[in-house]
Amino acid sequence: MRTEALYGVGGSFASRLRAPTVRASEGYPDEMESDAATVLQEALALSDRDRAGIAAELLASLPGPKGGLEVDSDEWLREIEGRARSARSGDTIPEDWATVEHLILRKLSSR
């Protein structure tokens, strides 16, 4: 599956996320190795879409939080199926996207 489909590259949510605070013209943290700094500088010169795709691939390559469910596990599938049944039956009260998006953006901006 392409990362564009997974991460909604180019969508309104993605476009509202803040850009990195370190820019090529500002230099890089001292601890960044020169090869990584070179790759970052070249990546920052790419289009928004290409940078988002690379970022999604890099994030997907990182280990998930300890104690979390593996996305391709049977346990994950049971969890998702249970949530879907709950939503279809009306046991779960849905929230509209604007509310959820606002909460996510507020949480991200407090980091």
C-alpha atoms as a PDB file:
ATOM      1  CA  MET A   1       0.000   0.000   0.000  1.00  0.00           C
ATOM      2  CA  ARG A   2       1.347   3.429  -0.900  1.00  0.00           C
ATOM      3  CA  THR A   3       2.154   5.833   1.921  1.00  0.00           C
ATOM      4  CA  GLU A   4      -0.020   8.502   0.246  1.00  0.00           C
ATOM      5  CA  ALA A   5      -3.070   6.368   0.974  1.00  0.00           C
ATOM      6  CA  LEU A   6      -1.924   5.604   4.504  1.00  0.00           C
ATOM      7  CA  TYR A   7      -1.012   9.122   5.557  1.00  0.00           C
ATOM      8  CA  GLY A   8      -3.298  11.275   3.420  1.00  0.00           C
ATOM      9  CA  VAL A   9      -0.390  13.179   1.900  1.00  0.00           C
ATOM     10  CA  GLY A  10      -1.575  16.484   0.563  1.00  0.00           C
ATOM     11  CA  GLY A  11      -4.798  16.597   2.581  1.00  0.00           C
ATOM     12  CA  SER A  12      -5.948  19.586   4.593  1.00  0.00           C
ATOM     13  CA  PHE A  13      -4.760  18.042   7.859  1.00  0.00           C
ATOM     14  CA  ALA A  14      -1.258  17.406   6.511  1.00  0.00           C
ATOM     15  CA  SER A  15      -1.047  20.929   5.140  1.00  0.00           C
ATOM     16  CA  ARG A  16      -1.742  22.443   8.566  1.00  0.00           C
ATOM     17  CA  LEU A  17       1.068  20.638  10.339  1.00  0.00           C
ATOM     18  CA  ARG A  18       4.008  22.860  11.138  1.00  0.00           C
ATOM     19  CA  ALA A  19       7.106  22.704   9.009  1.00  0.00           C
ATOM     20  CA  PRO A  20      10.366  21.653  10.659  1.00  0.00           C
ATOM     21  CA  THR A  21      11.966  24.427  12.687  1.00  0.00           C
ATOM     22  CA  VAL A  22      15.433  23.649  11.338  1.00  0.00           C
ATOM     23  CA  ARG A  23      15.938  24.948   7.808  1.00  0.00           C
ATOM     24  CA  ALA A  24      18.873  24.374   5.476  1.00  0.00           C
ATOM     25  CA  SER A  25      19.857  28.041   5.771  1.00  0.00           C
ATOM     26  CA  GLU A  26      19.929  27.858   9.585  1.00  0.00           C
ATOM     27  CA  GLY A  27      22.307  24.915   9.881  1.00  0.00           C
ATOM     28  CA  TYR A  28      21.822  21.685  11.768  1.00  0.00           C
ATOM     29  CA  PRO A  29      22.202  20.520  15.346  1.00  0.00           C
ATOM     30  CA  ASP A  30      25.839  19.755  16.238  1.00  0.00           C
ATOM     31  CA  GLU A  31      25.081  16.102  16.932  1.00  0.00           C
ATOM     32  CA  MET A  32      23.731  15.435  13.422  1.00  0.00           C
ATOM     33  CA  GLU A  33      26.283  13.548  11.372  1.00  0.00           C
ATOM     34  CA  SER A  34      27.400  15.193   8.149  1.00  0.00           C
ATOM     35  CA  ASP A  35      25.860  12.460   5.945  1.00  0.00           C
ATOM     36  CA  ALA A  36      22.488  12.894   7.649  1.00  0.00           C
ATOM     37  CA  ALA A  37      22.759  16.673   7.348  1.00  0.00           C
ATOM     38  CA  THR A  38      23.477  16.347   3.632  1.00  0.00           C
ATOM     39  CA  VAL A  39      20.515  14.025   3.110  1.00  0.00           C
ATOM     40  CA  LEU A  40      18.271  16.381   5.073  1.00  0.00           C
ATOM     41  CA  GLN A  41      19.426  19.409   3.096  1.00  0.00           C
ATOM     42  CA  GLU A  42      18.737  17.606  -0.186  1.00  0.00           C
ATOM     43  CA  ALA A  43      15.359  16.341   1.062  1.00  0.00           C
ATOM     44  CA  LEU A  44      14.283  19.846   2.097  1.00  0.00           C
ATOM     45  CA  ALA A  45      14.802  20.959  -1.510  1.00  0.00           C
ATOM     46  CA  LEU A  46      12.190  18.437  -2.753  1.00  0.00           C
ATOM     47  CA  SER A  47       8.534  19.178  -3.390  1.00  0.00           C
ATOM     48  CA  ASP A  48       6.070  19.070  -0.507  1.00  0.00           C
ATOM     49  CA  ARG A  49       4.613  15.813  -1.832  1.00  0.00           C
ATOM     50  CA  ASP A  50       8.009  14.118  -2.124  1.00  0.00           C
ATOM     51  CA  ARG A  51       9.083  15.310   1.353  1.00  0.00           C
ATOM     52  CA  ALA A  52       5.818  14.018   2.829  1.00  0.00           C
ATOM     53  CA  GLY A  53       6.320  10.635   1.172  1.00  0.00           C
ATOM     54  CA  ILE A  54       9.873  10.368   2.497  1.00  0.00           C
ATOM     55  CA  ALA A  55       8.746  11.446   5.968  1.00  0.00           C
ATOM     56  CA  ALA A  56       5.997   8.820   5.960  1.00  0.00           C
ATOM     57  CA  GLU A  57       8.461   6.103   4.934  1.00  0.00           C
ATOM     58  CA  LEU A  58      10.944   7.168   7.622  1.00  0.00           C
ATOM     59  CA  LEU A  59       8.247   7.221  10.301  1.00  0.00           C
ATOM     60  CA  ALA A  60       6.996   3.800   9.204  1.00  0.00           C
ATOM     61  CA  SER A  61      10.539   2.444   9.568  1.00  0.00           C
ATOM     62  CA  LEU A  62      10.723   3.383  13.263  1.00  0.00           C
ATOM     63  CA  PRO A  63       9.707   0.893  15.942  1.00  0.00           C
ATOM     64  CA  GLY A  64       6.293   1.498  17.427  1.00  0.00           C
ATOM     65  CA  PRO A  65       5.656   2.305  21.068  1.00  0.00           C
ATOM     66  CA  LYS A  66       6.317  -0.515  23.494  1.00  0.00           C
ATOM     67  CA  GLY A  67       3.187  -2.373  24.481  1.00  0.00           C
ATOM     68  CA  GLY A  68       1.289  -1.329  21.363  1.00  0.00           C
ATOM     69  CA  LEU A  69      -0.433  -3.657  18.955  1.00  0.00           C
ATOM     70  CA  GLU A  70       1.310  -4.714  15.771  1.00  0.00           C
ATOM     71  CA  VAL A  71      -0.771  -3.493  12.838  1.00  0.00           C
ATOM     72  CA  ASP A  72      -0.609  -6.830  11.060  1.00  0.00           C
ATOM     73  CA  SER A  73      -1.374  -8.967  14.126  1.00  0.00           C
ATOM     74  CA  ASP A  74      -4.516 -10.987  14.815  1.00  0.00           C
ATOM     75  CA  GLU A  75      -5.023  -8.937  17.981  1.00  0.00           C
ATOM     76  CA  TRP A  76      -5.022  -5.704  15.930  1.00  0.00           C
ATOM     77  CA  LEU A  77      -7.555  -7.184  13.510  1.00  0.00           C
ATOM     78  CA  ARG A  78      -9.846  -8.212  16.404  1.00  0.00           C
ATOM     79  CA  GLU A  79      -9.570  -4.705  17.877  1.00  0.00           C
ATOM     80  CA  ILE A  80     -10.454  -3.005  14.590  1.00  0.00           C
ATOM     81  CA  GLU A  81     -13.334  -5.415  13.895  1.00  0.00           C
ATOM     82  CA  GLY A  82     -14.679  -4.853  17.413  1.00  0.00           C
ATOM     83  CA  ARG A  83     -14.542  -1.096  16.991  1.00  0.00           C
ATOM     84  CA  ALA A  84     -16.265  -1.309  13.616  1.00  0.00           C
ATOM     85  CA  ARG A  85     -19.068  -3.478  15.074  1.00  0.00           C
ATOM     86  CA  SER A  86     -19.471  -1.029  17.933  1.00  0.00           C
ATOM     87  CA  ALA A  87     -19.693   1.929  15.545  1.00  0.00           C
ATOM     88  CA  ARG A  88     -22.212   0.181  13.272  1.00  0.00           C
ATOM     89  CA  SER A  89     -24.413  -0.883  16.182  1.00  0.00           C
ATOM     90  CA  GLY A  90     -24.564   2.620  17.617  1.00  0.00           C
ATOM     91  CA  ASP A  91     -22.762   1.672  20.847  1.00  0.00           C
ATOM     92  CA  THR A  92     -20.062   4.244  20.073  1.00  0.00           C
ATOM     93  CA  ILE A  93     -20.916   7.921  19.821  1.00  0.00           C
ATOM     94  CA  PRO A  94     -18.994   9.342  16.857  1.00  0.00           C
ATOM     95  CA  GLU A  95     -17.336  12.754  16.857  1.00  0.00           C
ATOM     96  CA  ASP A  96     -17.288  14.958  13.800  1.00  0.00           C
ATOM     97  CA  TRP A  97     -13.942  15.337  12.000  1.00  0.00           C
ATOM     98  CA  ALA A  98     -13.646  19.090  12.713  1.00  0.00           C
ATOM     99  CA  THR A  99     -13.687  18.415  16.474  1.00  0.00           C
ATOM    100  CA  VAL A 100     -11.187  15.566  16.253  1.00  0.00           C
ATOM    101  CA  GLU A 101      -8.895  17.543  13.935  1.00  0.00           C
ATOM    102  CA  HIS A 102      -8.947  20.498  16.334  1.00  0.00           C
ATOM    103  CA  LEU A 103      -8.004  18.249  19.271  1.00  0.00           C
ATOM    104  CA  ILE A 104      -5.175  16.611  17.317  1.00  0.00           C
ATOM    105  CA  LEU A 105      -3.743  19.931  16.128  1.00  0.00           C
ATOM    106  CA  ARG A 106      -3.943  21.390  19.629  1.00  0.00           C
ATOM    107  CA  LYS A 107      -2.125  18.372  21.047  1.00  0.00           C
ATOM    108  CA  LEU A 108       0.559  18.544  18.352  1.00  0.00           C
ATOM    109  CA  SER A 109       1.110  22.269  18.834  1.00  0.00           C
ATOM    110  CA  SER A 110       1.724  21.754  22.567  1.00  0.00           C
ATOM    111  CA  ARG A 111       4.742  19.534  21.908  1.00  0.00           C
END
